Every structure is written in C-alpha cells, then in structure tokens.
Amino acid sequence: MSVNIDLAFTVTGVADEPQAWAIVRALQELMYEEDIADQVTIGVAVDDAGSYFVSGDSDFPLGTSRFYLWQPHFEGVFAATVAAVAAGAEPQVRWGYPDEEY
C-alpha cells in the first residue's frame, strides 16, 4: 500500500555559501539516486543573522510504497550525505501526511 508523503528538510550550521552549494549538489545527487529528483526543489538562503542554510521540499506529495521502510533509510542516507560534505552542519528532515491533514 502506498501513502502520500510531504518531504521538507533544512540544513543549518553551514559554514559559508560555497559549502551551502556543495550541500545542494550532494543532495541533488541523493534525490536522483532515490528517484525523486524531479519532485524535490532544493535551494540556498540566508537567515536574519546572515548565516547560510539549505532547504528543500517536495513540490507535491510523494506517492511512496512501504514508507515505514524507506523513511529510516532516507533519513540515514540524508544525514550521511550532509556529513560527507559539511561535518558540522545539522540536517533536519520533516515529513507531512497530507491524507491525514485534509
């Protein structure tokens, strides 16, 4: 059985703009490997304190089969991908359940 899932994420603790873009490239590759690259938008922004961060979200709910298995896998590879590029950065993945929210 598949479910509709909203994906959103933020990576804070980014050192500078070049590191932020390196994280974006790494996460784009991860999204490609997970076969959701054309469904997720990723970008770089600056917060009120002048710190760079990376954020992204699904453009629409992702139809996911066996989400209970994929969720921990994705969260693990997401954290590992960020750590490989920016060891001090802090990744956060958030999930939404639109079928339950409407």
N, C-alpha and C. Protein backbone atom coordinates (compact mmCIF):
# COMPACT_ATOMS: atom_id res chain seq x y z
N MET A 1 0.84 -1.17 0.00
CA MET A 1 0.00 0.00 0.00
C MET A 1 0.88 1.23 0.00
N SER A 2 0.51 2.20 -0.78
CA SER A 2 1.29 3.42 -0.83
C SER A 2 0.57 4.54 -0.08
N VAL A 3 1.37 5.51 0.36
CA VAL A 3 0.83 6.68 1.05
C VAL A 3 1.41 7.93 0.39
N ASN A 4 0.70 9.02 0.55
CA ASN A 4 1.20 10.31 0.09
C ASN A 4 1.97 10.97 1.22
N ILE A 5 3.17 11.41 0.91
CA ILE A 5 4.06 11.98 1.93
C ILE A 5 4.59 13.31 1.42
N ASP A 6 4.57 14.33 2.30
CA ASP A 6 5.26 15.59 2.01
C ASP A 6 6.64 15.50 2.65
N LEU A 7 7.64 15.88 1.90
CA LEU A 7 9.02 15.89 2.39
C LEU A 7 9.50 17.33 2.47
N ALA A 8 10.10 17.69 3.58
CA ALA A 8 10.73 19.00 3.73
C ALA A 8 12.00 18.81 4.55
N PHE A 9 13.00 19.61 4.29
CA PHE A 9 14.24 19.48 5.04
C PHE A 9 14.97 20.82 5.10
N THR A 10 15.83 20.92 6.12
CA THR A 10 16.66 22.09 6.33
C THR A 10 18.03 21.60 6.78
N VAL A 11 19.07 22.27 6.31
CA VAL A 11 20.42 22.00 6.78
C VAL A 11 20.97 23.32 7.29
N THR A 12 21.20 23.40 8.59
CA THR A 12 21.76 24.60 9.22
C THR A 12 23.19 24.32 9.66
N GLY A 13 23.84 25.34 10.20
CA GLY A 13 25.23 25.18 10.62
C GLY A 13 26.18 25.14 9.45
N VAL A 14 25.78 25.75 8.34
CA VAL A 14 26.59 25.77 7.11
C VAL A 14 27.63 26.87 7.24
N ALA A 15 28.87 26.56 6.89
CA ALA A 15 29.99 27.50 7.09
C ALA A 15 29.90 28.74 6.22
N ASP A 16 29.57 28.56 4.94
CA ASP A 16 29.59 29.69 4.01
C ASP A 16 28.82 29.32 2.74
N GLU A 17 28.74 30.25 1.80
CA GLU A 17 27.97 30.00 0.58
C GLU A 17 28.54 28.85 -0.26
N PRO A 18 29.87 28.77 -0.45
CA PRO A 18 30.37 27.62 -1.24
C PRO A 18 30.01 26.27 -0.61
N GLN A 19 30.06 26.19 0.71
CA GLN A 19 29.68 24.94 1.36
C GLN A 19 28.19 24.67 1.18
N ALA A 20 27.38 25.71 1.24
CA ALA A 20 25.94 25.53 1.03
C ALA A 20 25.67 24.95 -0.34
N TRP A 21 26.33 25.48 -1.37
CA TRP A 21 26.11 24.96 -2.73
C TRP A 21 26.66 23.55 -2.89
N ALA A 22 27.73 23.21 -2.16
CA ALA A 22 28.25 21.85 -2.18
C ALA A 22 27.22 20.88 -1.58
N ILE A 23 26.55 21.32 -0.52
CA ILE A 23 25.49 20.50 0.08
C ILE A 23 24.35 20.32 -0.91
N VAL A 24 23.96 21.40 -1.58
CA VAL A 24 22.89 21.31 -2.57
C VAL A 24 23.23 20.28 -3.64
N ARG A 25 24.45 20.35 -4.18
CA ARG A 25 24.84 19.39 -5.23
C ARG A 25 24.80 17.96 -4.71
N ALA A 26 25.28 17.75 -3.50
CA ALA A 26 25.26 16.40 -2.92
C ALA A 26 23.83 15.91 -2.71
N LEU A 27 22.96 16.79 -2.23
CA LEU A 27 21.57 16.40 -2.01
C LEU A 27 20.83 16.18 -3.32
N GLN A 28 21.17 16.96 -4.35
CA GLN A 28 20.56 16.72 -5.66
C GLN A 28 20.93 15.33 -6.17
N GLU A 29 22.16 14.94 -5.96
CA GLU A 29 22.59 13.59 -6.37
C GLU A 29 21.84 12.53 -5.57
N LEU A 30 21.66 12.77 -4.27
CA LEU A 30 20.89 11.82 -3.45
C LEU A 30 19.46 11.72 -3.96
N MET A 31 18.84 12.85 -4.26
CA MET A 31 17.46 12.82 -4.77
C MET A 31 17.38 12.05 -6.08
N TYR A 32 18.40 12.19 -6.91
CA TYR A 32 18.47 11.43 -8.17
C TYR A 32 18.54 9.93 -7.86
N GLU A 33 19.42 9.56 -6.92
CA GLU A 33 19.58 8.15 -6.57
C GLU A 33 18.30 7.57 -5.97
N GLU A 34 17.54 8.38 -5.27
CA GLU A 34 16.28 7.93 -4.66
C GLU A 34 15.10 8.05 -5.62
N ASP A 35 15.37 8.51 -6.83
CA ASP A 35 14.37 8.64 -7.89
C ASP A 35 13.27 9.65 -7.57
N ILE A 36 13.67 10.75 -6.88
CA ILE A 36 12.72 11.82 -6.59
C ILE A 36 13.28 13.19 -6.99
N ALA A 37 14.34 13.21 -7.79
CA ALA A 37 14.99 14.47 -8.15
C ALA A 37 14.05 15.43 -8.86
N ASP A 38 13.16 14.92 -9.68
CA ASP A 38 12.25 15.79 -10.42
C ASP A 38 11.02 16.20 -9.59
N GLN A 39 11.00 15.79 -8.32
CA GLN A 39 9.86 16.09 -7.45
C GLN A 39 10.25 16.93 -6.24
N VAL A 40 11.54 17.27 -6.11
CA VAL A 40 12.03 17.98 -4.93
C VAL A 40 12.83 19.21 -5.38
N THR A 41 12.53 20.35 -4.77
CA THR A 41 13.25 21.59 -5.04
C THR A 41 14.19 21.87 -3.87
N ILE A 42 15.45 22.21 -4.18
CA ILE A 42 16.46 22.48 -3.15
C ILE A 42 17.09 23.84 -3.44
N GLY A 43 17.35 24.61 -2.39
CA GLY A 43 17.97 25.92 -2.60
C GLY A 43 18.77 26.37 -1.40
N VAL A 44 19.43 27.52 -1.58
CA VAL A 44 20.26 28.14 -0.55
C VAL A 44 19.62 29.46 -0.16
N ALA A 45 19.66 29.77 1.12
CA ALA A 45 19.13 31.05 1.61
C ALA A 45 20.01 31.54 2.76
N VAL A 46 19.74 32.76 3.17
CA VAL A 46 20.46 33.38 4.28
C VAL A 46 19.43 33.79 5.32
N ASP A 47 19.67 33.43 6.59
CA ASP A 47 18.72 33.79 7.64
C ASP A 47 18.96 35.23 8.12
N ASP A 48 18.18 35.67 9.08
CA ASP A 48 18.27 37.05 9.57
C ASP A 48 19.61 37.38 10.20
N ALA A 49 20.31 36.37 10.69
CA ALA A 49 21.62 36.58 11.30
C ALA A 49 22.75 36.55 10.27
N GLY A 50 22.42 36.32 9.00
CA GLY A 50 23.43 36.28 7.95
C GLY A 50 24.05 34.92 7.73
N SER A 51 23.48 33.89 8.33
CA SER A 51 24.01 32.53 8.18
C SER A 51 23.35 31.85 6.99
N TYR A 52 24.15 31.12 6.24
CA TYR A 52 23.62 30.36 5.11
C TYR A 52 22.97 29.07 5.61
N PHE A 53 21.93 28.65 4.89
CA PHE A 53 21.33 27.36 5.14
C PHE A 53 20.78 26.81 3.83
N VAL A 54 20.54 25.52 3.83
CA VAL A 54 19.99 24.82 2.66
C VAL A 54 18.61 24.32 3.06
N SER A 55 17.66 24.46 2.16
CA SER A 55 16.33 23.93 2.44
C SER A 55 15.74 23.34 1.17
N GLY A 56 14.78 22.50 1.36
CA GLY A 56 14.11 21.89 0.22
C GLY A 56 12.80 21.27 0.64
N ASP A 57 11.98 21.01 -0.35
CA ASP A 57 10.73 20.32 -0.09
C ASP A 57 10.19 19.71 -1.37
N SER A 58 9.29 18.78 -1.17
CA SER A 58 8.67 18.15 -2.33
C SER A 58 7.69 19.14 -2.95
N ASP A 59 7.63 19.13 -4.27
CA ASP A 59 6.76 20.05 -5.00
C ASP A 59 5.29 19.66 -4.85
N PHE A 60 5.06 18.42 -4.52
CA PHE A 60 3.72 17.87 -4.31
C PHE A 60 3.90 16.59 -3.52
N PRO A 61 2.85 16.03 -2.95
CA PRO A 61 3.02 14.80 -2.16
C PRO A 61 3.67 13.68 -2.98
N LEU A 62 4.58 12.98 -2.34
CA LEU A 62 5.26 11.84 -2.96
C LEU A 62 4.45 10.58 -2.69
N GLY A 63 4.11 9.86 -3.71
CA GLY A 63 3.44 8.57 -3.55
C GLY A 63 4.50 7.53 -3.21
N THR A 64 4.47 7.01 -1.99
CA THR A 64 5.53 6.15 -1.50
C THR A 64 4.97 4.82 -1.02
N SER A 65 5.51 3.73 -1.56
CA SER A 65 5.16 2.40 -1.07
C SER A 65 6.13 2.01 0.03
N ARG A 66 5.63 1.33 1.03
CA ARG A 66 6.46 0.83 2.15
C ARG A 66 7.24 1.96 2.81
N PHE A 67 6.54 3.05 3.07
CA PHE A 67 7.17 4.23 3.68
C PHE A 67 7.84 3.88 5.00
N TYR A 68 7.26 2.97 5.76
CA TYR A 68 7.83 2.59 7.05
C TYR A 68 9.25 2.02 6.90
N LEU A 69 9.60 1.49 5.74
CA LEU A 69 10.96 1.02 5.48
C LEU A 69 11.82 2.11 4.85
N TRP A 70 11.23 2.90 3.97
CA TRP A 70 12.00 3.91 3.25
C TRP A 70 12.37 5.08 4.14
N GLN A 71 11.50 5.47 5.07
CA GLN A 71 11.76 6.63 5.92
C GLN A 71 13.10 6.53 6.68
N PRO A 72 13.36 5.48 7.44
CA PRO A 72 14.64 5.42 8.15
C PRO A 72 15.83 5.32 7.20
N HIS A 73 15.65 4.62 6.09
CA HIS A 73 16.72 4.56 5.08
C HIS A 73 17.05 5.96 4.57
N PHE A 74 16.02 6.70 4.16
CA PHE A 74 16.24 8.03 3.60
C PHE A 74 16.86 8.96 4.63
N GLU A 75 16.34 8.96 5.84
CA GLU A 75 16.89 9.84 6.87
C GLU A 75 18.36 9.53 7.14
N GLY A 76 18.73 8.25 7.10
CA GLY A 76 20.13 7.87 7.32
C GLY A 76 21.04 8.32 6.19
N VAL A 77 20.63 8.08 4.95
CA VAL A 77 21.49 8.49 3.84
C VAL A 77 21.50 10.00 3.68
N PHE A 78 20.41 10.67 4.05
CA PHE A 78 20.37 12.13 4.02
C PHE A 78 21.41 12.69 4.99
N ALA A 79 21.41 12.21 6.23
CA ALA A 79 22.37 12.67 7.23
C ALA A 79 23.80 12.36 6.81
N ALA A 80 24.03 11.17 6.26
CA ALA A 80 25.37 10.79 5.82
C ALA A 80 25.84 11.65 4.65
N THR A 81 24.93 11.98 3.75
CA THR A 81 25.28 12.83 2.60
C THR A 81 25.70 14.21 3.07
N VAL A 82 24.94 14.78 3.98
CA VAL A 82 25.30 16.11 4.51
C VAL A 82 26.62 16.04 5.26
N ALA A 83 26.81 15.03 6.10
CA ALA A 83 28.03 14.90 6.89
C ALA A 83 29.27 14.74 6.01
N ALA A 84 29.11 14.08 4.87
CA ALA A 84 30.25 13.88 3.97
C ALA A 84 30.74 15.19 3.37
N VAL A 85 29.86 16.16 3.25
CA VAL A 85 30.20 17.45 2.64
C VAL A 85 30.49 18.51 3.69
N ALA A 86 29.75 18.47 4.79
CA ALA A 86 29.85 19.50 5.82
C ALA A 86 29.65 18.86 7.19
N ALA A 87 30.75 18.41 7.78
CA ALA A 87 30.67 17.64 9.02
C ALA A 87 29.96 18.39 10.14
N GLY A 88 30.06 19.69 10.20
CA GLY A 88 29.45 20.45 11.29
C GLY A 88 28.02 20.87 11.04
N ALA A 89 27.50 20.58 9.88
CA ALA A 89 26.14 21.01 9.54
C ALA A 89 25.11 20.11 10.23
N GLU A 90 23.91 20.66 10.41
CA GLU A 90 22.85 19.95 11.12
C GLU A 90 21.66 19.73 10.20
N PRO A 91 21.49 18.50 9.71
CA PRO A 91 20.34 18.21 8.84
C PRO A 91 19.08 17.90 9.65
N GLN A 92 17.97 18.34 9.12
CA GLN A 92 16.68 18.02 9.74
C GLN A 92 15.70 17.67 8.62
N VAL A 93 15.08 16.50 8.73
CA VAL A 93 14.08 16.07 7.76
C VAL A 93 12.72 16.10 8.46
N ARG A 94 11.73 16.66 7.76
CA ARG A 94 10.37 16.72 8.29
C ARG A 94 9.43 16.05 7.29
N TRP A 95 8.48 15.31 7.83
CA TRP A 95 7.51 14.60 6.99
C TRP A 95 6.11 15.15 7.25
N GLY A 96 5.34 15.24 6.21
CA GLY A 96 3.94 15.61 6.33
C GLY A 96 3.08 14.49 5.77
N TYR A 97 1.89 14.40 6.28
CA TYR A 97 0.97 13.34 5.89
C TYR A 97 -0.32 13.99 5.37
N PRO A 98 -0.30 14.44 4.12
CA PRO A 98 -1.44 15.22 3.60
C PRO A 98 -2.77 14.47 3.62
N ASP A 99 -2.76 13.17 3.51
CA ASP A 99 -4.02 12.42 3.53
C ASP A 99 -4.70 12.54 4.90
N GLU A 100 -3.91 12.73 5.94
CA GLU A 100 -4.45 12.86 7.29
C GLU A 100 -4.76 14.31 7.64
N GLU A 101 -4.14 15.24 6.92
CA GLU A 101 -4.25 16.65 7.28
C GLU A 101 -5.43 17.35 6.62
N TYR A 102 -6.02 16.75 5.58
CA TYR A 102 -7.11 17.43 4.88
C TYR A 102 -8.45 16.87 5.26
